[in-house]
């Protein structure tokens, strides 16, 4: 009998660095067109503040929200889309990233420039990643499907109670207030959200095209078969869970710099659990472009829905996600396959 312990190492053949790069970035004409369009879009959005007044334009704020939604959705997509593990604890990782930024800033721990400090934002992603590993070991090793989803939701609610009870540390229900005098306009938050959206998308792209992504898709399809072929199920699930939580935590740090007021009402809100799920399902679960397509639609629904129908808009969004899952289970990205059945 062949030794299966190294089977996971045989998911893809050994390649040179140039061959690996070519495999990660396909050279087909269609993909080159997509790449050119993506670069042009980044250039256009990146230079937009030079032509538009960022402090008075509502369109700049809308784009900031869209980019932020892309970041948090790409983090959730890596776990829920590629691994098939539906996490309902996104708001916990989002809040941890925000509270980490606030505590590092207020206690002058890193002794660096704190306003949109890259070091602080990286640390704000590491803390949720560590939390994901801590809760992921018992949850991912024991629970599957809906049980794992409710387990992550329970862990998030436990974290909420801890934040509310540790008044001296987290400020309790009142929260923590950052120095608002650091705010100098929407330019820096806008550019930071755009950069994070690009980096999060690239991270998920390269992970999905790597050996890790191949293992995650195999686990999503059939865990039993994957385990029989030597794939360490728990290791790959934990890795995806930690990377996704890191991305979500960095997004929480971004919003901490934007809001300047970090409390459970704003950052432990269940909307942060519901938003990435809706975006990925609407755009296309387990795809790179799914969050990019779904984010502007959901952002428009939530922003304009609050102004038009008030507090009823979450119910309408819930109806929308049910209709999409019923009649368009592969999201808007799946329309391409229906229109072009030859594929």
Foldseek 3Di string as FASTA:
>chain_A
DDDLQCLLVVLDDDDDPVVLVCLLQPPDPVSVVVVVVVVVVLVCLLCVVVPDVQFPDVVLVLLLQLLLLLLLLLLQLLQCFLQVQQALQLLQLLLQLLQQLLQCQVVVPPVDDRQPDPVSLLVLLQVLLVVLLVQLVVLVVPHDDPSSRVSSVVVNVVSLVVLQVPCVRAVHQQGGFAPPVPDDGCSVLSNVSSVLSVVSLVVSSSCCSDSLVSLSNVNNVPVVVSVVSNDPRSVSSSVSSSSSSSSSSSSSNSVCSVPRGRGCVVRVDSCSSVSSVLQCQAQFRNDSCSNSVSSSVVSCLVVVVCVPVNPCSVVVSVVVSVVCCVPPRGHPVCVVCVVVVVD
